[in-house]
Amino acid sequence: DYASRLRKFNEERVVAANRAKSNFLANMSHEIRTPMNAILG
């Protein structure tokens, strides 16, 4: 039961980490590309 809970916790942690990473990437992409849009345009 403990191993199952630990596995579930780790899976949730990985999902949360990936979600956080995806959100970070989306935000970084937005923050970097917005001024690049002005420069190239």
PDB file of all heavy atoms in Angstrom:
ATOM      1  N   ASP A   1       0.836  -1.202   0.000  1.00  0.00           N
ATOM      2  CA  ASP A   1       0.000   0.000   0.000  1.00  0.00           C
ATOM      3  C   ASP A   1       0.870   1.250   0.000  1.00  0.00           C
ATOM      4  O   ASP A   1       0.618   2.212  -0.732  1.00  0.00           O
ATOM      5  CB  ASP A   1      -0.907  -0.037   1.238  1.00  0.00           C
ATOM      6  CG  ASP A   1      -1.898   1.105   1.235  1.00  0.00           C
ATOM      7  OD1 ASP A   1      -2.533   1.314   0.182  1.00  0.00           O
ATOM      8  OD2 ASP A   1      -2.028   1.788   2.268  1.00  0.00           O
ATOM      9  N   TYR A   2       1.939   1.188   0.827  1.00  0.00           N
ATOM     10  CA  TYR A   2       2.872   2.312   0.896  1.00  0.00           C
ATOM     11  C   TYR A   2       3.571   2.515  -0.461  1.00  0.00           C
ATOM     12  O   TYR A   2       3.704   3.632  -0.949  1.00  0.00           O
ATOM     13  CB  TYR A   2       3.906   2.047   1.984  1.00  0.00           C
ATOM     14  CG  TYR A   2       5.009   3.081   2.039  1.00  0.00           C
ATOM     15  CD1 TYR A   2       4.768   4.347   2.564  1.00  0.00           C
ATOM     16  CD2 TYR A   2       6.287   2.781   1.551  1.00  0.00           C
ATOM     17  CE1 TYR A   2       5.776   5.301   2.597  1.00  0.00           C
ATOM     18  CE2 TYR A   2       7.292   3.727   1.582  1.00  0.00           C
ATOM     19  CZ  TYR A   2       7.038   4.988   2.104  1.00  0.00           C
ATOM     20  OH  TYR A   2       8.033   5.927   2.126  1.00  0.00           O
ATOM     21  N   ALA A   3       3.995   1.387  -1.083  1.00  0.00           N
ATOM     22  CA  ALA A   3       4.678   1.460  -2.388  1.00  0.00           C
ATOM     23  C   ALA A   3       3.747   2.028  -3.447  1.00  0.00           C
ATOM     24  O   ALA A   3       4.157   2.822  -4.301  1.00  0.00           O
ATOM     25  CB  ALA A   3       5.168   0.073  -2.800  1.00  0.00           C
ATOM     26  N   SER A   4       2.474   1.616  -3.376  1.00  0.00           N
ATOM     27  CA  SER A   4       1.483   2.112  -4.337  1.00  0.00           C
ATOM     28  C   SER A   4       1.285   3.613  -4.180  1.00  0.00           C
ATOM     29  O   SER A   4       1.234   4.361  -5.162  1.00  0.00           O
ATOM     30  CB  SER A   4       0.163   1.365  -4.126  1.00  0.00           C
ATOM     31  OG  SER A   4      -0.810   1.846  -4.986  1.00  0.00           O
ATOM     32  N   ARG A   5       1.172   4.050  -2.884  1.00  0.00           N
ATOM     33  CA  ARG A   5       0.995   5.482  -2.632  1.00  0.00           C
ATOM     34  C   ARG A   5       2.226   6.267  -3.067  1.00  0.00           C
ATOM     35  O   ARG A   5       2.121   7.361  -3.633  1.00  0.00           O
ATOM     36  CB  ARG A   5       0.701   5.732  -1.148  1.00  0.00           C
ATOM     37  CG  ARG A   5      -0.679   5.265  -0.702  1.00  0.00           C
ATOM     38  CD  ARG A   5      -1.124   5.965   0.577  1.00  0.00           C
ATOM     39  NE  ARG A   5      -0.168   5.817   1.657  1.00  0.00           N
ATOM     40  CZ  ARG A   5      -0.175   4.814   2.535  1.00  0.00           C
ATOM     41  NH1 ARG A   5      -1.092   3.863   2.438  1.00  0.00           N
ATOM     42  NH2 ARG A   5       0.725   4.767   3.493  1.00  0.00           N
ATOM     43  N   LEU A   6       3.403   5.676  -2.807  1.00  0.00           N
ATOM     44  CA  LEU A   6       4.659   6.334  -3.195  1.00  0.00           C
ATOM     45  C   LEU A   6       4.762   6.450  -4.715  1.00  0.00           C
ATOM     46  O   LEU A   6       5.172   7.483  -5.258  1.00  0.00           O
ATOM     47  CB  LEU A   6       5.844   5.530  -2.648  1.00  0.00           C
ATOM     48  CG  LEU A   6       7.236   6.135  -2.856  1.00  0.00           C
ATOM     49  CD1 LEU A   6       7.353   7.466  -2.135  1.00  0.00           C
ATOM     50  CD2 LEU A   6       8.326   5.168  -2.381  1.00  0.00           C
ATOM     51  N   ARG A   7       4.379   5.341  -5.414  1.00  0.00           N
ATOM     52  CA  ARG A   7       4.401   5.360  -6.881  1.00  0.00           C
ATOM     53  C   ARG A   7       3.460   6.430  -7.433  1.00  0.00           C
ATOM     54  O   ARG A   7       3.808   7.169  -8.349  1.00  0.00           O
ATOM     55  CB  ARG A   7       4.015   3.973  -7.396  1.00  0.00           C
ATOM     56  CG  ARG A   7       4.237   3.783  -8.889  1.00  0.00           C
ATOM     57  CD  ARG A   7       4.255   2.313  -9.293  1.00  0.00           C
ATOM     58  NE  ARG A   7       3.113   1.585  -8.766  1.00  0.00           N
ATOM     59  CZ  ARG A   7       3.214   0.626  -7.835  1.00  0.00           C
ATOM     60  NH1 ARG A   7       4.400   0.303  -7.324  1.00  0.00           N
ATOM     61  NH2 ARG A   7       2.134  -0.010  -7.401  1.00  0.00           N
ATOM     62  N   LYS A   8       2.244   6.479  -6.842  1.00  0.00           N
ATOM     63  CA  LYS A   8       1.261   7.467  -7.285  1.00  0.00           C
ATOM     64  C   LYS A   8       1.772   8.886  -7.035  1.00  0.00           C
ATOM     65  O   LYS A   8       1.634   9.777  -7.874  1.00  0.00           O
ATOM     66  CB  LYS A   8      -0.052   7.243  -6.545  1.00  0.00           C
ATOM     67  CG  LYS A   8      -1.191   8.088  -7.078  1.00  0.00           C
ATOM     68  CD  LYS A   8      -2.491   7.760  -6.371  1.00  0.00           C
ATOM     69  CE  LYS A   8      -3.616   8.642  -6.916  1.00  0.00           C
ATOM     70  NZ  LYS A   8      -4.878   8.416  -6.199  1.00  0.00           N
ATOM     71  N   PHE A   9       2.409   9.063  -5.848  1.00  0.00           N
ATOM     72  CA  PHE A   9       2.962  10.374  -5.512  1.00  0.00           C
ATOM     73  C   PHE A   9       4.043  10.787  -6.516  1.00  0.00           C
ATOM     74  O   PHE A   9       4.087  11.917  -6.987  1.00  0.00           O
ATOM     75  CB  PHE A   9       3.547  10.329  -4.094  1.00  0.00           C
ATOM     76  CG  PHE A   9       4.337  11.555  -3.726  1.00  0.00           C
ATOM     77  CD1 PHE A   9       3.692  12.745  -3.427  1.00  0.00           C
ATOM     78  CD2 PHE A   9       5.737  11.510  -3.695  1.00  0.00           C
ATOM     79  CE1 PHE A   9       4.433  13.880  -3.100  1.00  0.00           C
ATOM     80  CE2 PHE A   9       6.473  12.639  -3.370  1.00  0.00           C
ATOM     81  CZ  PHE A   9       5.822  13.831  -3.067  1.00  0.00           C
ATOM     82  N   ASN A  10       4.922   9.810  -6.857  1.00  0.00           N
ATOM     83  CA  ASN A  10       6.001  10.094  -7.817  1.00  0.00           C
ATOM     84  C   ASN A  10       5.443  10.424  -9.201  1.00  0.00           C
ATOM     85  O   ASN A  10       5.949  11.312  -9.893  1.00  0.00           O
ATOM     86  CB  ASN A  10       6.957   8.908  -7.902  1.00  0.00           C
ATOM     87  CG  ASN A  10       7.879   8.821  -6.696  1.00  0.00           C
ATOM     88  OD1 ASN A  10       8.151   9.837  -6.055  1.00  0.00           O
ATOM     89  ND2 ASN A  10       8.340   7.624  -6.365  1.00  0.00           N
ATOM     90  N   GLU A  11       4.398   9.670  -9.608  1.00  0.00           N
ATOM     91  CA  GLU A  11       3.770   9.934 -10.907  1.00  0.00           C
ATOM     92  C   GLU A  11       3.167  11.333 -10.935  1.00  0.00           C
ATOM     93  O   GLU A  11       3.311  12.069 -11.910  1.00  0.00           O
ATOM     94  CB  GLU A  11       2.685   8.888 -11.193  1.00  0.00           C
ATOM     95  CG  GLU A  11       3.241   7.515 -11.583  1.00  0.00           C
ATOM     96  CD  GLU A  11       2.166   6.447 -11.643  1.00  0.00           C
ATOM     97  OE1 GLU A  11       0.984   6.770 -11.361  1.00  0.00           O
ATOM     98  OE2 GLU A  11       2.500   5.279 -11.961  1.00  0.00           O
ATOM     99  N   GLU A  12       2.477  11.681  -9.836  1.00  0.00           N
ATOM    100  CA  GLU A  12       1.881  13.023  -9.753  1.00  0.00           C
ATOM    101  C   GLU A  12       2.954  14.100  -9.744  1.00  0.00           C
ATOM    102  O   GLU A  12       2.786  15.163 -10.346  1.00  0.00           O
ATOM    103  CB  GLU A  12       1.017  13.132  -8.493  1.00  0.00           C
ATOM    104  CG  GLU A  12      -0.284  12.335  -8.568  1.00  0.00           C
ATOM    105  CD  GLU A  12      -1.033  12.311  -7.257  1.00  0.00           C
ATOM    106  OE1 GLU A  12      -0.483  12.814  -6.241  1.00  0.00           O
ATOM    107  OE2 GLU A  12      -2.178  11.794  -7.246  1.00  0.00           O
ATOM    108  N   ARG A  13       4.067  13.789  -9.073  1.00  0.00           N
ATOM    109  CA  ARG A  13       5.165  14.752  -9.029  1.00  0.00           C
ATOM    110  C   ARG A  13       5.767  14.949 -10.426  1.00  0.00           C
ATOM    111  O   ARG A  13       6.083  16.076 -10.819  1.00  0.00           O
ATOM    112  CB  ARG A  13       6.242  14.262  -8.051  1.00  0.00           C
ATOM    113  CG  ARG A  13       7.298  15.316  -7.743  1.00  0.00           C
ATOM    114  CD  ARG A  13       8.229  14.864  -6.653  1.00  0.00           C
ATOM    115  NE  ARG A  13       8.961  13.653  -7.046  1.00  0.00           N
ATOM    116  CZ  ARG A  13       9.910  13.106  -6.300  1.00  0.00           C
ATOM    117  NH1 ARG A  13      10.205  13.619  -5.124  1.00  0.00           N
ATOM    118  NH2 ARG A  13      10.536  12.033  -6.716  1.00  0.00           N
ATOM    119  N   VAL A  14       5.922  13.842 -11.175  1.00  0.00           N
ATOM    120  CA  VAL A  14       6.461  13.927 -12.545  1.00  0.00           C
ATOM    121  C   VAL A  14       5.505  14.723 -13.436  1.00  0.00           C
ATOM    122  O   VAL A  14       5.924  15.595 -14.203  1.00  0.00           O
ATOM    123  CB  VAL A  14       6.696  12.512 -13.131  1.00  0.00           C
ATOM    124  CG1 VAL A  14       6.964  12.582 -14.628  1.00  0.00           C
ATOM    125  CG2 VAL A  14       7.848  11.829 -12.415  1.00  0.00           C
ATOM    126  N   VAL A  15       4.189  14.424 -13.305  1.00  0.00           N
ATOM    127  CA  VAL A  15       3.187  15.150 -14.097  1.00  0.00           C
ATOM    128  C   VAL A  15       3.224  16.641 -13.757  1.00  0.00           C
ATOM    129  O   VAL A  15       3.208  17.500 -14.641  1.00  0.00           O
ATOM    130  CB  VAL A  15       1.764  14.573 -13.851  1.00  0.00           C
ATOM    131  CG1 VAL A  15       0.700  15.496 -14.432  1.00  0.00           C
ATOM    132  CG2 VAL A  15       1.656  13.179 -14.447  1.00  0.00           C
ATOM    133  N   ALA A  16       3.293  16.932 -12.451  1.00  0.00           N
ATOM    134  CA  ALA A  16       3.339  18.335 -12.011  1.00  0.00           C
ATOM    135  C   ALA A  16       4.605  19.019 -12.522  1.00  0.00           C
ATOM    136  O   ALA A  16       4.568  20.170 -12.967  1.00  0.00           O
ATOM    137  CB  ALA A  16       3.276  18.403 -10.486  1.00  0.00           C
ATOM    138  N   ALA A  17       5.733  18.284 -12.476  1.00  0.00           N
ATOM    139  CA  ALA A  17       7.005  18.851 -12.952  1.00  0.00           C
ATOM    140  C   ALA A  17       6.950  19.120 -14.451  1.00  0.00           C
ATOM    141  O   ALA A  17       7.392  20.167 -14.924  1.00  0.00           O
ATOM    142  CB  ALA A  17       8.154  17.895 -12.634  1.00  0.00           C
ATOM    143  N   ASN A  18       6.377  18.153 -15.201  1.00  0.00           N
ATOM    144  CA  ASN A  18       6.245  18.345 -16.648  1.00  0.00           C
ATOM    145  C   ASN A  18       5.307  19.497 -16.973  1.00  0.00           C
ATOM    146  O   ASN A  18       5.538  20.266 -17.904  1.00  0.00           O
ATOM    147  CB  ASN A  18       5.741  17.064 -17.312  1.00  0.00           C
ATOM    148  CG  ASN A  18       6.842  16.018 -17.458  1.00  0.00           C
ATOM    149  OD1 ASN A  18       8.022  16.358 -17.455  1.00  0.00           O
ATOM    150  ND2 ASN A  18       6.468  14.757 -17.571  1.00  0.00           N
ATOM    151  N   ARG A  19       4.211  19.591 -16.166  1.00  0.00           N
ATOM    152  CA  ARG A  19       3.270  20.683 -16.386  1.00  0.00           C
ATOM    153  C   ARG A  19       3.943  22.023 -16.102  1.00  0.00           C
ATOM    154  O   ARG A  19       3.797  22.987 -16.855  1.00  0.00           O
ATOM    155  CB  ARG A  19       2.033  20.516 -15.499  1.00  0.00           C
ATOM    156  CG  ARG A  19       0.908  21.494 -15.839  1.00  0.00           C
ATOM    157  CD  ARG A  19      -0.283  21.358 -14.899  1.00  0.00           C
ATOM    158  NE  ARG A  19      -0.858  20.028 -14.943  1.00  0.00           N
ATOM    159  CZ  ARG A  19      -0.901  19.195 -13.921  1.00  0.00           C
ATOM    160  NH1 ARG A  19      -0.395  19.554 -12.745  1.00  0.00           N
ATOM    161  NH2 ARG A  19      -1.459  18.009 -14.035  1.00  0.00           N
ATOM    162  N   ALA A  20       4.704  22.060 -15.002  1.00  0.00           N
ATOM    163  CA  ALA A  20       5.423  23.290 -14.643  1.00  0.00           C
ATOM    164  C   ALA A  20       6.440  23.649 -15.720  1.00  0.00           C
ATOM    165  O   ALA A  20       6.601  24.810 -16.095  1.00  0.00           O
ATOM    166  CB  ALA A  20       6.124  23.116 -13.296  1.00  0.00           C
ATOM    167  N   LYS A  21       7.117  22.606 -16.236  1.00  0.00           N
ATOM    168  CA  LYS A  21       8.112  22.828 -17.290  1.00  0.00           C
ATOM    169  C   LYS A  21       7.448  23.348 -18.565  1.00  0.00           C
ATOM    170  O   LYS A  21       7.937  24.280 -19.200  1.00  0.00           O
ATOM    171  CB  LYS A  21       8.855  21.518 -17.575  1.00  0.00           C
ATOM    172  CG  LYS A  21      10.111  21.681 -18.420  1.00  0.00           C
ATOM    173  CD  LYS A  21      10.885  20.375 -18.445  1.00  0.00           C
ATOM    174  CE  LYS A  21      12.229  20.560 -19.100  1.00  0.00           C
ATOM    175  NZ  LYS A  21      13.022  19.324 -19.067  1.00  0.00           N
ATOM    176  N   SER A  22       6.288  22.745 -18.917  1.00  0.00           N
ATOM    177  CA  SER A  22       5.557  23.177 -20.110  1.00  0.00           C
ATOM    178  C   SER A  22       5.085  24.616 -19.960  1.00  0.00           C
ATOM    179  O   SER A  22       5.180  25.418 -20.899  1.00  0.00           O
ATOM    180  CB  SER A  22       4.352  22.258 -20.361  1.00  0.00           C
ATOM    181  OG  SER A  22       4.788  20.968 -20.685  1.00  0.00           O
ATOM    182  N   ASN A  23       4.572  24.950 -18.757  1.00  0.00           N
ATOM    183  CA  ASN A  23       4.116  26.327 -18.512  1.00  0.00           C
ATOM    184  C   ASN A  23       5.286  27.300 -18.592  1.00  0.00           C
ATOM    185  O   ASN A  23       5.163  28.394 -19.160  1.00  0.00           O
ATOM    186  CB  ASN A  23       3.449  26.434 -17.143  1.00  0.00           C
ATOM    187  CG  ASN A  23       2.109  25.722 -17.106  1.00  0.00           C
ATOM    188  OD1 ASN A  23       1.490  25.501 -18.152  1.00  0.00           O
ATOM    189  ND2 ASN A  23       1.652  25.359 -15.923  1.00  0.00           N
ATOM    190  N   PHE A  24       6.431  26.869 -18.026  1.00  0.00           N
ATOM    191  CA  PHE A  24       7.619  27.714 -18.079  1.00  0.00           C
ATOM    192  C   PHE A  24       8.053  27.942 -19.525  1.00  0.00           C
ATOM    193  O   PHE A  24       8.367  29.065 -19.932  1.00  0.00           O
ATOM    194  CB  PHE A  24       8.756  27.055 -17.295  1.00  0.00           C
ATOM    195  CG  PHE A  24      10.079  27.768 -17.427  1.00  0.00           C
ATOM    196  CD1 PHE A  24      10.319  28.940 -16.747  1.00  0.00           C
ATOM    197  CD2 PHE A  24      11.078  27.262 -18.260  1.00  0.00           C
ATOM    198  CE1 PHE A  24      11.542  29.600 -16.873  1.00  0.00           C
ATOM    199  CE2 PHE A  24      12.292  27.911 -18.397  1.00  0.00           C
ATOM    200  CZ  PHE A  24      12.526  29.087 -17.689  1.00  0.00           C
ATOM    201  N   LEU A  25       8.053  26.847 -20.317  1.00  0.00           N
ATOM    202  CA  LEU A  25       8.433  26.959 -21.727  1.00  0.00           C
ATOM    203  C   LEU A  25       7.492  27.886 -22.484  1.00  0.00           C
ATOM    204  O   LEU A  25       7.924  28.707 -23.289  1.00  0.00           O
ATOM    205  CB  LEU A  25       8.430  25.575 -22.387  1.00  0.00           C
ATOM    206  CG  LEU A  25       9.633  24.674 -22.108  1.00  0.00           C
ATOM    207  CD1 LEU A  25       9.386  23.304 -22.697  1.00  0.00           C
ATOM    208  CD2 LEU A  25      10.897  25.284 -22.690  1.00  0.00           C
ATOM    209  N   ALA A  26       6.182  27.722 -22.238  1.00  0.00           N
ATOM    210  CA  ALA A  26       5.203  28.566 -22.919  1.00  0.00           C
ATOM    211  C   ALA A  26       5.435  30.035 -22.572  1.00  0.00           C
ATOM    212  O   ALA A  26       5.413  30.909 -23.441  1.00  0.00           O
ATOM    213  CB  ALA A  26       3.786  28.146 -22.536  1.00  0.00           C
ATOM    214  N   ASN A  27       5.675  30.305 -21.274  1.00  0.00           N
ATOM    215  CA  ASN A  27       5.909  31.686 -20.849  1.00  0.00           C
ATOM    216  C   ASN A  27       7.203  32.236 -21.413  1.00  0.00           C
ATOM    217  O   ASN A  27       7.265  33.379 -21.878  1.00  0.00           O
ATOM    218  CB  ASN A  27       5.929  31.775 -19.317  1.00  0.00           C
ATOM    219  CG  ASN A  27       4.552  31.573 -18.719  1.00  0.00           C
ATOM    220  OD1 ASN A  27       3.541  31.897 -19.343  1.00  0.00           O
ATOM    221  ND2 ASN A  27       4.492  31.022 -17.514  1.00  0.00           N
ATOM    222  N   MET A  28       8.270  31.411 -21.384  1.00  0.00           N
ATOM    223  CA  MET A  28       9.555  31.853 -21.923  1.00  0.00           C
ATOM    224  C   MET A  28       9.452  32.103 -23.421  1.00  0.00           C
ATOM    225  O   MET A  28      10.001  33.073 -23.942  1.00  0.00           O
ATOM    226  CB  MET A  28      10.635  30.803 -21.644  1.00  0.00           C
ATOM    227  CG  MET A  28      11.146  30.802 -20.211  1.00  0.00           C
ATOM    228  SD  MET A  28      11.805  32.407 -19.719  1.00  0.00           S
ATOM    229  CE  MET A  28      13.191  32.560 -20.831  1.00  0.00           C
ATOM    230  N   SER A  29       8.759  31.198 -24.104  1.00  0.00           N
ATOM    231  CA  SER A  29       8.557  31.358 -25.544  1.00  0.00           C
ATOM    232  C   SER A  29       7.870  32.689 -25.819  1.00  0.00           C
ATOM    233  O   SER A  29       8.256  33.445 -26.712  1.00  0.00           O
ATOM    234  CB  SER A  29       7.718  30.192 -26.080  1.00  0.00           C
ATOM    235  OG  SER A  29       7.454  30.364 -27.446  1.00  0.00           O
ATOM    236  N   HIS A  30       6.836  32.980 -25.028  1.00  0.00           N
ATOM    237  CA  HIS A  30       6.074  34.225 -25.211  1.00  0.00           C
ATOM    238  C   HIS A  30       6.957  35.440 -24.925  1.00  0.00           C
ATOM    239  O   HIS A  30       6.997  36.399 -25.702  1.00  0.00           O
ATOM    240  CB  HIS A  30       4.861  34.219 -24.277  1.00  0.00           C
ATOM    241  CG  HIS A  30       3.964  35.401 -24.461  1.00  0.00           C
ATOM    242  ND1 HIS A  30       4.138  36.573 -23.764  1.00  0.00           N
ATOM    243  CD2 HIS A  30       2.900  35.597 -25.280  1.00  0.00           C
ATOM    244  CE1 HIS A  30       3.222  37.443 -24.141  1.00  0.00           C
ATOM    245  NE2 HIS A  30       2.462  36.873 -25.044  1.00  0.00           N
ATOM    246  N   GLU A  31       7.696  35.390 -23.805  1.00  0.00           N
ATOM    247  CA  GLU A  31       8.504  36.539 -23.402  1.00  0.00           C
ATOM    248  C   GLU A  31       9.636  36.817 -24.387  1.00  0.00           C
ATOM    249  O   GLU A  31       9.992  37.972 -24.624  1.00  0.00           O
ATOM    250  CB  GLU A  31       9.090  36.304 -21.995  1.00  0.00           C
ATOM    251  CG  GLU A  31       8.053  36.267 -20.892  1.00  0.00           C
ATOM    252  CD  GLU A  31       7.227  37.540 -20.803  1.00  0.00           C
ATOM    253  OE1 GLU A  31       7.790  38.632 -20.998  1.00  0.00           O
ATOM    254  OE2 GLU A  31       6.009  37.448 -20.572  1.00  0.00           O
ATOM    255  N   ILE A  32      10.224  35.762 -24.950  1.00  0.00           N
ATOM    256  CA  ILE A  32      11.339  35.951 -25.890  1.00  0.00           C
ATOM    257  C   ILE A  32      10.838  36.338 -27.271  1.00  0.00           C
ATOM    258  O   ILE A  32      11.378  37.236 -27.923  1.00  0.00           O
ATOM    259  CB  ILE A  32      12.200  34.664 -25.989  1.00  0.00           C
ATOM    260  CG1 ILE A  32      12.887  34.396 -24.642  1.00  0.00           C
ATOM    261  CG2 ILE A  32      13.248  34.780 -27.090  1.00  0.00           C
ATOM    262  CD1 ILE A  32      13.543  33.031 -24.548  1.00  0.00           C
ATOM    263  N   ARG A  33       9.789  35.669 -27.732  1.00  0.00           N
ATOM    264  CA  ARG A  33       9.329  35.878 -29.100  1.00  0.00           C
ATOM    265  C   ARG A  33       8.603  37.205 -29.303  1.00  0.00           C
ATOM    266  O   ARG A  33       8.562  37.726 -30.410  1.00  0.00           O
ATOM    267  CB  ARG A  33       8.422  34.724 -29.533  1.00  0.00           C
ATOM    268  CG  ARG A  33       9.185  33.452 -29.822  1.00  0.00           C
ATOM    269  CD  ARG A  33       8.270  32.270 -30.020  1.00  0.00           C
ATOM    270  NE  ARG A  33       9.042  31.095 -30.356  1.00  0.00           N
ATOM    271  CZ  ARG A  33       9.398  30.759 -31.594  1.00  0.00           C
ATOM    272  NH1 ARG A  33       9.044  31.509 -32.602  1.00  0.00           N
ATOM    273  NH2 ARG A  33      10.100  29.673 -31.816  1.00  0.00           N
ATOM    274  N   THR A  34       8.023  37.760 -28.240  1.00  0.00           N
ATOM    275  CA  THR A  34       7.305  39.029 -28.398  1.00  0.00           C
ATOM    276  C   THR A  34       8.249  40.158 -28.835  1.00  0.00           C
ATOM    277  O   THR A  34       7.982  40.836 -29.828  1.00  0.00           O
ATOM    278  CB  THR A  34       6.556  39.384 -27.096  1.00  0.00           C
ATOM    279  OG1 THR A  34       5.560  38.375 -26.868  1.00  0.00           O
ATOM    280  CG2 THR A  34       5.871  40.731 -27.215  1.00  0.00           C
ATOM    281  N   PRO A  35       9.396  40.369 -28.146  1.00  0.00           N
ATOM    282  CA  PRO A  35      10.315  41.401 -28.665  1.00  0.00           C
ATOM    283  C   PRO A  35      10.936  41.024 -30.004  1.00  0.00           C
ATOM    284  O   PRO A  35      11.213  41.895 -30.834  1.00  0.00           O
ATOM    285  CB  PRO A  35      11.385  41.516 -27.568  1.00  0.00           C
ATOM    286  CG  PRO A  35      11.267  40.287 -26.747  1.00  0.00           C
ATOM    287  CD  PRO A  35       9.843  39.857 -26.834  1.00  0.00           C
ATOM    288  N   MET A  36      11.160  39.720 -30.243  1.00  0.00           N
ATOM    289  CA  MET A  36      11.690  39.300 -31.539  1.00  0.00           C
ATOM    290  C   MET A  36      10.713  39.655 -32.657  1.00  0.00           C
ATOM    291  O   MET A  36      11.123  39.999 -33.771  1.00  0.00           O
ATOM    292  CB  MET A  36      11.955  37.792 -31.542  1.00  0.00           C
ATOM    293  CG  MET A  36      13.177  37.362 -30.752  1.00  0.00           C
ATOM    294  SD  MET A  36      14.712  38.102 -31.351  1.00  0.00           S
ATOM    295  CE  MET A  36      14.796  37.424 -33.000  1.00  0.00           C
ATOM    296  N   ASN A  37       9.419  39.575 -32.369  1.00  0.00           N
ATOM    297  CA  ASN A  37       8.396  39.938 -33.347  1.00  0.00           C
ATOM    298  C   ASN A  37       8.551  41.405 -33.740  1.00  0.00           C
ATOM    299  O   ASN A  37       8.487  41.761 -34.917  1.00  0.00           O
ATOM    300  CB  ASN A  37       6.997  39.694 -32.749  1.00  0.00           C
ATOM    301  CG  ASN A  37       5.900  39.937 -33.747  1.00  0.00           C
ATOM    302  OD1 ASN A  37       5.864  39.336 -34.807  1.00  0.00           O
ATOM    303  ND2 ASN A  37       4.993  40.835 -33.421  1.00  0.00           N
ATOM    304  N   ALA A  38       8.777  42.264 -32.739  1.00  0.00           N
ATOM    305  CA  ALA A  38       8.947  43.692 -33.013  1.00  0.00           C
ATOM    306  C   ALA A  38      10.222  43.951 -33.823  1.00  0.00           C
ATOM    307  O   ALA A  38      10.212  44.713 -34.787  1.00  0.00           O
ATOM    308  CB  ALA A  38       8.988  44.461 -31.692  1.00  0.00           C
ATOM    309  N   ILE A  39      11.315  43.282 -33.429  1.00  0.00           N
ATOM    310  CA  ILE A  39      12.595  43.501 -34.124  1.00  0.00           C
ATOM    311  C   ILE A  39      12.497  43.097 -35.599  1.00  0.00           C
ATOM    312  O   ILE A  39      12.834  43.875 -36.496  1.00  0.00           O
ATOM    313  CB  ILE A  39      13.728  42.706 -33.428  1.00  0.00           C
ATOM    314  CG1 ILE A  39      13.996  43.276 -32.034  1.00  0.00           C
ATOM    315  CG2 ILE A  39      15.008  42.734 -34.259  1.00  0.00           C
ATOM    316  CD1 ILE A  39      14.853  42.380 -31.154  1.00  0.00           C
ATOM    317  N   LEU A  40      12.025  41.874 -35.855  1.00  0.00           N
ATOM    318  CA  LEU A  40      11.950  41.386 -37.236  1.00  0.00           C
ATOM    319  C   LEU A  40      10.899  42.142 -38.046  1.00  0.00           C
ATOM    320  O   LEU A  40      11.097  42.425 -39.229  1.00  0.00           O
ATOM    321  CB  LEU A  40      11.643  39.884 -37.242  1.00  0.00           C
ATOM    322  CG  LEU A  40      12.844  38.972 -36.956  1.00  0.00           C
ATOM    323  CD1 LEU A  40      12.380  37.575 -36.592  1.00  0.00           C
ATOM    324  CD2 LEU A  40      13.784  38.918 -38.148  1.00  0.00           C
ATOM    325  N   GLY A  41       9.764  42.473 -37.412  1.00  0.00           N
ATOM    326  CA  GLY A  41       8.698  43.187 -38.127  1.00  0.00           C
ATOM    327  C   GLY A  41       9.105  44.590 -38.517  1.00  0.00           C
ATOM    328  O   GLY A  41       8.921  45.014 -39.663  1.00  0.00           O
TER     329      GLY A  41
END
